[in-house]
Amino acid sequence: MRHTNALLAVLVAILLLWPIAAPPAAAAQTEQQKPTVQIPEPGVPQIMTMEGRYVRAAYNNEGYAILGYKLANLSVGEEWMLLEVGIALRDGVPDYDLTRSAVSLETPDGKTIPLPTIEEFRKGDVRALQQREKIQRDSINYFPPNAHRACSIQFFTNVDSRAMAWDKVELSDSRACLGRFYFPVLGKITYGQHWLNVKFAKSVVRVPFRILTKEEGKLLDKNYKSIEKQVKEAFAPKKK
């Protein structure tokens, strides 16, 4: 996890994760007029960060979760969502068995979708999605310093794979566990605010990610530097 100017990174993340409203046309030409943002409330105590355009992370004192959703952002209208996910425990937290039932997806319409069973996953036939994922992805290798041993979250394997699918993975404060999570979105993937929910032994971490419209994506890119500047100014040391 990046440590340089952590507070700055957190606020930049919050500003960039969610919809940005364009300023009035007449004022858009001035440098003084800045875009505004709407910040969703996770409902749990946690810190959220952005490690890339399509990479989001959230953590509390117990657990850490990060996801890459570039492919999901390009899959609007499809019935299966693929997320690349990394999960770890914070330093000093006792070992914990993460089960399939501890993970869910919350969609913009308020529905909560659990991870499917291995049988449901194989019936879905996501081979085309997996091929696209090989090129439409970003690295999510941003873990806390204590998580340095690689491990696999193997909830899903294809029917032709020799590897076995597991229903749980043992987490420890030294393991950085990575996996691909699949969710059957029966109403089809839509634009808007989504949450990946990960239940740890004593708390829940909710990783926010927004499926952007083309207009939202362009506006975010256009205003990235100005938002970053505002945040730097907000966290600059106060003059005495």
C-alpha atoms as a PDB file:
ATOM      1  CA  MET A   1       0.000   0.000   0.000  1.00  0.00           C
ATOM      2  CA  ARG A   2       1.332   3.414  -0.774  1.00  0.00           C
ATOM      3  CA  HIS A   3       2.173   5.423   2.320  1.00  0.00           C
ATOM      4  CA  THR A   4       3.264   8.796   0.895  1.00  0.00           C
ATOM      5  CA  ASN A   5       0.792  11.438   1.905  1.00  0.00           C
ATOM      6  CA  ALA A   6      -1.854   8.875   2.878  1.00  0.00           C
ATOM      7  CA  LEU A   7      -4.539  11.389   3.736  1.00  0.00           C
ATOM      8  CA  LEU A   8      -4.147  12.975   0.326  1.00  0.00           C
ATOM      9  CA  ALA A   9      -4.543   9.627  -1.389  1.00  0.00           C
ATOM     10  CA  VAL A  10      -7.676   8.851   0.578  1.00  0.00           C
ATOM     11  CA  LEU A  11      -9.445  12.076  -0.349  1.00  0.00           C
ATOM     12  CA  VAL A  12      -8.366  11.881  -3.982  1.00  0.00           C
ATOM     13  CA  ALA A  13      -9.839   8.393  -4.012  1.00  0.00           C
ATOM     14  CA  ILE A  14     -13.140   9.559  -2.569  1.00  0.00           C
ATOM     15  CA  LEU A  15     -13.411  12.394  -5.049  1.00  0.00           C
ATOM     16  CA  LEU A  16     -12.657  10.215  -8.045  1.00  0.00           C
ATOM     17  CA  LEU A  17     -14.743   7.193  -7.215  1.00  0.00           C
ATOM     18  CA  TRP A  18     -18.136   8.809  -7.682  1.00  0.00           C
ATOM     19  CA  PRO A  19     -20.151  10.940 -10.088  1.00  0.00           C
ATOM     20  CA  ILE A  20     -18.857  14.389 -10.925  1.00  0.00           C
ATOM     21  CA  ALA A  21     -21.317  17.094 -11.877  1.00  0.00           C
ATOM     22  CA  ALA A  22     -20.196  19.449 -14.619  1.00  0.00           C
ATOM     23  CA  PRO A  23     -20.205  23.182 -13.769  1.00  0.00           C
ATOM     24  CA  PRO A  24     -22.649  25.529 -15.544  1.00  0.00           C
ATOM     25  CA  ALA A  25     -21.682  26.134 -19.165  1.00  0.00           C
ATOM     26  CA  ALA A  26     -21.110  29.836 -18.658  1.00  0.00           C
ATOM     27  CA  ALA A  27     -18.756  29.240 -15.784  1.00  0.00           C
ATOM     28  CA  ALA A  28     -17.029  26.187 -17.231  1.00  0.00           C
ATOM     29  CA  GLN A  29     -14.556  28.405 -19.042  1.00  0.00           C
ATOM     30  CA  THR A  30     -13.088  29.793 -15.825  1.00  0.00           C
ATOM     31  CA  GLU A  31     -10.400  28.108 -13.810  1.00  0.00           C
ATOM     32  CA  GLN A  32     -12.113  29.153 -10.593  1.00  0.00           C
ATOM     33  CA  GLN A  33     -15.193  27.023 -11.264  1.00  0.00           C
ATOM     34  CA  LYS A  34     -14.509  23.466 -10.078  1.00  0.00           C
ATOM     35  CA  PRO A  35     -16.611  20.307 -10.529  1.00  0.00           C
ATOM     36  CA  THR A  36     -18.573  18.982  -7.580  1.00  0.00           C
ATOM     37  CA  VAL A  37     -18.825  15.405  -6.377  1.00  0.00           C
ATOM     38  CA  GLN A  38     -21.353  13.208  -4.626  1.00  0.00           C
ATOM     39  CA  ILE A  39     -19.804  10.940  -2.015  1.00  0.00           C
ATOM     40  CA  PRO A  40     -21.624   7.688  -1.099  1.00  0.00           C
ATOM     41  CA  GLU A  41     -21.773   6.581   2.508  1.00  0.00           C
ATOM     42  CA  PRO A  42     -20.444   3.027   3.071  1.00  0.00           C
ATOM     43  CA  GLY A  43     -22.315   2.704   6.369  1.00  0.00           C
ATOM     44  CA  VAL A  44     -19.262   1.222   8.099  1.00  0.00           C
ATOM     45  CA  PRO A  45     -16.090   2.801   9.503  1.00  0.00           C
ATOM     46  CA  GLN A  46     -13.304   2.417   6.960  1.00  0.00           C
ATOM     47  CA  ILE A  47     -10.825   4.199   4.708  1.00  0.00           C
ATOM     48  CA  MET A  48     -11.153   4.088   0.922  1.00  0.00           C
ATOM     49  CA  THR A  49      -8.428   4.675  -1.670  1.00  0.00           C
ATOM     50  CA  MET A  50      -7.895   4.585  -5.407  1.00  0.00           C
ATOM     51  CA  GLU A  51      -4.801   2.838  -6.763  1.00  0.00           C
ATOM     52  CA  GLY A  52      -5.656   3.336 -10.449  1.00  0.00           C
ATOM     53  CA  ARG A  53      -8.461   4.382 -12.767  1.00  0.00           C
ATOM     54  CA  TYR A  54     -10.250   1.046 -12.288  1.00  0.00           C
ATOM     55  CA  VAL A  55      -8.621  -0.089  -9.030  1.00  0.00           C
ATOM     56  CA  ARG A  56     -10.350   0.567  -5.708  1.00  0.00           C
ATOM     57  CA  ALA A  57      -9.454  -0.414  -2.144  1.00  0.00           C
ATOM     58  CA  ALA A  58     -10.990  -0.158   1.298  1.00  0.00           C
ATOM     59  CA  TYR A  59      -9.789  -1.214   4.723  1.00  0.00           C
ATOM     60  CA  ASN A  60     -10.357  -0.949   8.454  1.00  0.00           C
ATOM     61  CA  ASN A  61      -8.398  -2.122  11.497  1.00  0.00           C
ATOM     62  CA  GLU A  62      -9.234  -5.764  10.740  1.00  0.00           C
ATOM     63  CA  GLY A  63      -9.186  -6.370   7.004  1.00  0.00           C
ATOM     64  CA  TYR A  64      -8.143  -5.005   3.628  1.00  0.00           C
ATOM     65  CA  ALA A  65      -9.778  -5.569   0.237  1.00  0.00           C
ATOM     66  CA  ILE A  66      -8.842  -4.300  -3.210  1.00  0.00           C
ATOM     67  CA  LEU A  67     -10.473  -4.864  -6.586  1.00  0.00           C
ATOM     68  CA  GLY A  68      -9.864  -4.234 -10.265  1.00  0.00           C
ATOM     69  CA  TYR A  69     -12.958  -3.645 -12.356  1.00  0.00           C
ATOM     70  CA  LYS A  70     -11.803  -2.478 -15.783  1.00  0.00           C
ATOM     71  CA  LEU A  71     -13.526  -5.411 -17.480  1.00  0.00           C
ATOM     72  CA  ALA A  72     -16.727  -4.854 -15.482  1.00  0.00           C
ATOM     73  CA  ASN A  73     -16.783  -1.231 -16.635  1.00  0.00           C
ATOM     74  CA  LEU A  74     -16.690  -2.516 -20.229  1.00  0.00           C
ATOM     75  CA  SER A  75     -19.404  -5.134 -19.667  1.00  0.00           C
ATOM     76  CA  VAL A  76     -22.552  -3.008 -19.369  1.00  0.00           C
ATOM     77  CA  GLY A  77     -25.577  -5.011 -20.517  1.00  0.00           C
ATOM     78  CA  GLU A  78     -23.975  -8.396 -19.807  1.00  0.00           C
ATOM     79  CA  GLU A  79     -25.203 -10.919 -17.224  1.00  0.00           C
ATOM     80  CA  TRP A  80     -21.908 -11.887 -15.582  1.00  0.00           C
ATOM     81  CA  MET A  81     -19.497  -9.558 -13.778  1.00  0.00           C
ATOM     82  CA  LEU A  82     -15.851 -10.493 -13.268  1.00  0.00           C
ATOM     83  CA  LEU A  83     -13.846  -8.688 -10.588  1.00  0.00           C
ATOM     84  CA  GLU A  84     -10.189  -9.228  -9.753  1.00  0.00           C
ATOM     85  CA  VAL A  85      -9.964  -9.146  -5.969  1.00  0.00           C
ATOM     86  CA  GLY A  86      -7.228  -9.098  -3.342  1.00  0.00           C
ATOM     87  CA  ILE A  87      -7.875  -9.646   0.375  1.00  0.00           C
ATOM     88  CA  ALA A  88      -5.639  -9.539   3.436  1.00  0.00           C
ATOM     89  CA  LEU A  89      -5.782  -9.183   7.193  1.00  0.00           C
ATOM     90  CA  ARG A  90      -4.234  -6.202   8.923  1.00  0.00           C
ATOM     91  CA  ASP A  91      -1.054  -6.649  10.936  1.00  0.00           C
ATOM     92  CA  GLY A  92      -1.608  -8.609  14.150  1.00  0.00           C
ATOM     93  CA  VAL A  93      -5.160  -9.767  13.338  1.00  0.00           C
ATOM     94  CA  PRO A  94      -5.781 -13.489  14.121  1.00  0.00           C
ATOM     95  CA  ASP A  95      -6.112 -15.951  11.219  1.00  0.00           C
ATOM     96  CA  TYR A  96      -9.543 -16.113   9.613  1.00  0.00           C
ATOM     97  CA  ASP A  97     -11.227 -18.504   7.160  1.00  0.00           C
ATOM     98  CA  LEU A  98     -12.876 -16.454   4.418  1.00  0.00           C
ATOM     99  CA  THR A  99     -15.809 -18.417   2.999  1.00  0.00           C
ATOM    100  CA  ARG A 100     -17.723 -18.007  -0.225  1.00  0.00           C
ATOM    101  CA  SER A 101     -20.746 -16.777   1.718  1.00  0.00           C
ATOM    102  CA  ALA A 102     -18.718 -13.883   3.199  1.00  0.00           C
ATOM    103  CA  VAL A 103     -18.536 -12.090  -0.163  1.00  0.00           C
ATOM    104  CA  SER A 104     -21.319 -10.300  -2.014  1.00  0.00           C
ATOM    105  CA  LEU A 105     -21.978  -7.614  -4.620  1.00  0.00           C
ATOM    106  CA  GLU A 106     -24.363  -4.705  -4.117  1.00  0.00           C
ATOM    107  CA  THR A 107     -25.787  -3.183  -7.317  1.00  0.00           C
ATOM    108  CA  PRO A 108     -27.127   0.347  -7.945  1.00  0.00           C
ATOM    109  CA  ASP A 109     -30.737  -0.824  -7.523  1.00  0.00           C
ATOM    110  CA  GLY A 110     -29.991  -1.970  -3.977  1.00  0.00           C
ATOM    111  CA  LYS A 111     -29.861  -5.713  -4.684  1.00  0.00           C
ATOM    112  CA  THR A 112     -27.263  -7.864  -2.927  1.00  0.00           C
ATOM    113  CA  ILE A 113     -25.884 -10.716  -5.019  1.00  0.00           C
ATOM    114  CA  PRO A 114     -23.941 -13.542  -3.306  1.00  0.00           C
ATOM    115  CA  LEU A 115     -21.091 -15.375  -4.939  1.00  0.00           C
ATOM    116  CA  PRO A 116     -22.515 -18.280  -6.974  1.00  0.00           C
ATOM    117  CA  THR A 117     -21.810 -21.912  -6.230  1.00  0.00           C
ATOM    118  CA  ILE A 118     -19.249 -23.663  -8.396  1.00  0.00           C
ATOM    119  CA  GLU A 119     -22.113 -25.436 -10.200  1.00  0.00           C
ATOM    120  CA  GLU A 120     -23.884 -22.131 -10.960  1.00  0.00           C
ATOM    121  CA  PHE A 121     -20.620 -20.631 -12.159  1.00  0.00           C
ATOM    122  CA  ARG A 122     -19.896 -23.469 -14.581  1.00  0.00           C
ATOM    123  CA  LYS A 123     -23.412 -23.324 -16.015  1.00  0.00           C
ATOM    124  CA  GLY A 124     -22.873 -19.635 -16.754  1.00  0.00           C
ATOM    125  CA  ASP A 125     -20.120 -20.330 -19.342  1.00  0.00           C
ATOM    126  CA  VAL A 126     -17.882 -17.293 -18.808  1.00  0.00           C
ATOM    127  CA  ARG A 127     -15.088 -18.404 -21.132  1.00  0.00           C
ATOM    128  CA  ALA A 128     -15.475 -15.391 -23.422  1.00  0.00           C
ATOM    129  CA  LEU A 129     -15.320 -13.114 -20.387  1.00  0.00           C
ATOM    130  CA  GLN A 130     -12.130 -14.823 -19.222  1.00  0.00           C
ATOM    131  CA  GLN A 131     -10.485 -14.296 -22.604  1.00  0.00           C
ATOM    132  CA  ARG A 132     -11.292 -10.589 -22.526  1.00  0.00           C
ATOM    133  CA  GLU A 133      -9.972 -10.327 -18.984  1.00  0.00           C
ATOM    134  CA  LYS A 134      -6.490 -11.275 -20.189  1.00  0.00           C
ATOM    135  CA  ILE A 135      -6.132  -7.865 -21.858  1.00  0.00           C
ATOM    136  CA  GLN A 136      -8.787  -5.698 -20.176  1.00  0.00           C
ATOM    137  CA  ARG A 137      -7.306  -5.590 -16.685  1.00  0.00           C
ATOM    138  CA  ASP A 138      -5.146  -3.555 -14.305  1.00  0.00           C
ATOM    139  CA  SER A 139      -2.734  -4.739 -11.627  1.00  0.00           C
ATOM    140  CA  ILE A 140      -4.173  -4.869  -8.111  1.00  0.00           C
ATOM    141  CA  ASN A 141      -0.909  -5.733  -6.395  1.00  0.00           C
ATOM    142  CA  TYR A 142      -1.224  -3.018  -3.741  1.00  0.00           C
ATOM    143  CA  PHE A 143      -1.257  -4.683  -0.326  1.00  0.00           C
ATOM    144  CA  PRO A 144      -0.359  -3.548   3.196  1.00  0.00           C
ATOM    145  CA  PRO A 145       3.352  -4.094   3.984  1.00  0.00           C
ATOM    146  CA  ASN A 146       2.554  -6.934   6.392  1.00  0.00           C
ATOM    147  CA  ALA A 147       0.911  -9.000   3.595  1.00  0.00           C
ATOM    148  CA  HIS A 148       3.919 -10.324   1.686  1.00  0.00           C
ATOM    149  CA  ARG A 149       3.178 -14.033   1.061  1.00  0.00           C
ATOM    150  CA  ALA A 150       1.166 -14.743  -2.097  1.00  0.00           C
ATOM    151  CA  CYS A 151      -1.881 -16.985  -1.899  1.00  0.00           C
ATOM    152  CA  SER A 152      -4.804 -17.871  -4.151  1.00  0.00           C
ATOM    153  CA  ILE A 153      -8.524 -17.426  -3.548  1.00  0.00           C
ATOM    154  CA  GLN A 154      -9.712 -20.340  -5.647  1.00  0.00           C
ATOM    155  CA  PHE A 155     -13.479 -20.145  -5.319  1.00  0.00           C
ATOM    156  CA  PHE A 156     -13.897 -20.812  -9.054  1.00  0.00           C
ATOM    157  CA  THR A 157     -12.284 -23.199 -11.542  1.00  0.00           C
ATOM    158  CA  ASN A 158     -13.452 -24.170 -15.018  1.00  0.00           C
ATOM    159  CA  VAL A 159     -14.870 -27.618 -15.641  1.00  0.00           C
ATOM    160  CA  ASP A 160     -11.821 -28.572 -17.743  1.00  0.00           C
ATOM    161  CA  SER A 161      -9.326 -27.460 -15.081  1.00  0.00           C
ATOM    162  CA  ARG A 162      -7.398 -29.974 -12.991  1.00  0.00           C
ATOM    163  CA  ALA A 163      -7.432 -27.565 -10.046  1.00  0.00           C
ATOM    164  CA  MET A 164     -10.068 -27.973  -7.367  1.00  0.00           C
ATOM    165  CA  ALA A 165     -12.416 -25.166  -6.377  1.00  0.00           C
ATOM    166  CA  TRP A 166     -12.503 -24.256  -2.678  1.00  0.00           C
ATOM    167  CA  ASP A 167     -15.304 -22.929  -0.521  1.00  0.00           C
ATOM    168  CA  LYS A 168     -12.937 -21.119   1.830  1.00  0.00           C
ATOM    169  CA  VAL A 169      -9.424 -19.684   2.026  1.00  0.00           C
ATOM    170  CA  GLU A 170      -7.316 -19.215   5.145  1.00  0.00           C
ATOM    171  CA  LEU A 171      -6.300 -15.603   5.650  1.00  0.00           C
ATOM    172  CA  SER A 172      -3.434 -14.497   7.869  1.00  0.00           C
ATOM    173  CA  ASP A 173      -1.780 -11.145   8.435  1.00  0.00           C
ATOM    174  CA  SER A 174       1.159 -12.199   6.249  1.00  0.00           C
ATOM    175  CA  ARG A 175      -0.813 -13.500   3.243  1.00  0.00           C
ATOM    176  CA  ALA A 176      -1.789 -11.404   0.210  1.00  0.00           C
ATOM    177  CA  CYS A 177      -4.584 -13.445  -1.355  1.00  0.00           C
ATOM    178  CA  LEU A 178      -5.742 -12.894  -4.938  1.00  0.00           C
ATOM    179  CA  GLY A 179      -8.662 -14.324  -6.893  1.00  0.00           C
ATOM    180  CA  ARG A 180     -11.250 -13.739  -9.599  1.00  0.00           C
ATOM    181  CA  PHE A 181     -14.795 -13.286  -8.362  1.00  0.00           C
ATOM    182  CA  TYR A 182     -17.800 -13.848 -10.640  1.00  0.00           C
ATOM    183  CA  PHE A 183     -21.305 -12.547  -9.998  1.00  0.00           C
ATOM    184  CA  PRO A 184     -24.469 -13.409 -11.971  1.00  0.00           C
ATOM    185  CA  VAL A 185     -26.198 -10.048 -12.502  1.00  0.00           C
ATOM    186  CA  LEU A 186     -29.625 -11.209 -13.660  1.00  0.00           C
ATOM    187  CA  GLY A 187     -30.838  -7.692 -14.409  1.00  0.00           C
ATOM    188  CA  LYS A 188     -27.629  -7.167 -16.430  1.00  0.00           C
ATOM    189  CA  ILE A 189     -24.723  -4.885 -15.526  1.00  0.00           C
ATOM    190  CA  THR A 190     -25.745  -1.227 -15.400  1.00  0.00           C
ATOM    191  CA  TYR A 191     -24.067   2.122 -14.855  1.00  0.00           C
ATOM    192  CA  GLY A 192     -23.858   3.475 -11.324  1.00  0.00           C
ATOM    193  CA  GLN A 193     -22.499   2.837  -7.843  1.00  0.00           C
ATOM    194  CA  HIS A 194     -21.589  -0.712  -6.855  1.00  0.00           C
ATOM    195  CA  TRP A 195     -20.082  -2.175  -3.684  1.00  0.00           C
ATOM    196  CA  LEU A 196     -18.071  -5.318  -3.070  1.00  0.00           C
ATOM    197  CA  ASN A 197     -18.827  -6.500   0.475  1.00  0.00           C
ATOM    198  CA  VAL A 198     -16.263  -8.634   2.320  1.00  0.00           C
ATOM    199  CA  LYS A 199     -17.187  -9.938   5.776  1.00  0.00           C
ATOM    200  CA  PHE A 200     -14.331 -10.517   8.182  1.00  0.00           C
ATOM    201  CA  ALA A 201     -14.614 -12.052  11.664  1.00  0.00           C
ATOM    202  CA  LYS A 202     -15.737  -8.845  13.406  1.00  0.00           C
ATOM    203  CA  SER A 203     -16.433  -6.329  10.650  1.00  0.00           C
ATOM    204  CA  VAL A 204     -17.369  -5.734   7.025  1.00  0.00           C
ATOM    205  CA  VAL A 205     -15.291  -3.892   4.432  1.00  0.00           C
ATOM    206  CA  ARG A 206     -17.225  -2.347   1.526  1.00  0.00           C
ATOM    207  CA  VAL A 207     -15.172  -1.541  -1.557  1.00  0.00           C
ATOM    208  CA  PRO A 208     -16.910   1.081  -3.720  1.00  0.00           C
ATOM    209  CA  PHE A 209     -16.643   1.139  -7.484  1.00  0.00           C
ATOM    210  CA  ARG A 210     -18.673   2.998 -10.056  1.00  0.00           C
ATOM    211  CA  ILE A 211     -19.514   1.777 -13.557  1.00  0.00           C
ATOM    212  CA  LEU A 212     -18.982   5.017 -15.465  1.00  0.00           C
ATOM    213  CA  THR A 213     -20.900   6.332 -18.422  1.00  0.00           C
ATOM    214  CA  LYS A 214     -18.757   7.678 -21.270  1.00  0.00           C
ATOM    215  CA  GLU A 215     -19.614  11.223 -20.210  1.00  0.00           C
ATOM    216  CA  GLU A 216     -18.617  10.550 -16.583  1.00  0.00           C
ATOM    217  CA  GLY A 217     -15.359   8.982 -17.708  1.00  0.00           C
ATOM    218  CA  LYS A 218     -14.467  11.957 -19.892  1.00  0.00           C
ATOM    219  CA  LEU A 219     -15.355  14.439 -17.175  1.00  0.00           C
ATOM    220  CA  LEU A 220     -13.290  12.545 -14.603  1.00  0.00           C
ATOM    221  CA  ASP A 221     -10.255  12.487 -16.896  1.00  0.00           C
ATOM    222  CA  LYS A 222     -10.616  16.156 -17.772  1.00  0.00           C
ATOM    223  CA  ASN A 223     -10.782  17.281 -14.136  1.00  0.00           C
ATOM    224  CA  TYR A 224      -8.313  14.880 -12.540  1.00  0.00           C
ATOM    225  CA  LYS A 225      -5.528  17.436 -12.147  1.00  0.00           C
ATOM    226  CA  SER A 226      -7.768  20.208 -10.864  1.00  0.00           C
ATOM    227  CA  ILE A 227      -9.297  17.883  -8.259  1.00  0.00           C
ATOM    228  CA  GLU A 228      -5.850  16.683  -7.248  1.00  0.00           C
ATOM    229  CA  LYS A 229      -4.732  20.304  -6.843  1.00  0.00           C
ATOM    230  CA  GLN A 230      -7.734  21.120  -4.655  1.00  0.00           C
ATOM    231  CA  VAL A 231      -6.976  18.151  -2.409  1.00  0.00           C
ATOM    232  CA  LYS A 232      -3.292  19.090  -2.075  1.00  0.00           C
ATOM    233  CA  GLU A 233      -4.292  22.591  -1.085  1.00  0.00           C
ATOM    234  CA  ALA A 234      -6.831  21.247   1.425  1.00  0.00           C
ATOM    235  CA  PHE A 235      -4.168  19.117   3.128  1.00  0.00           C
ATOM    236  CA  ALA A 236      -1.302  21.591   2.927  1.00  0.00           C
ATOM    237  CA  PRO A 237       0.225  22.469   6.323  1.00  0.00           C
ATOM    238  CA  LYS A 238      -1.570  25.369   7.917  1.00  0.00           C
ATOM    239  CA  LYS A 239       0.409  28.563   8.092  1.00  0.00           C
ATOM    240  CA  LYS A 240       1.036  29.703  11.616  1.00  0.00           C
END
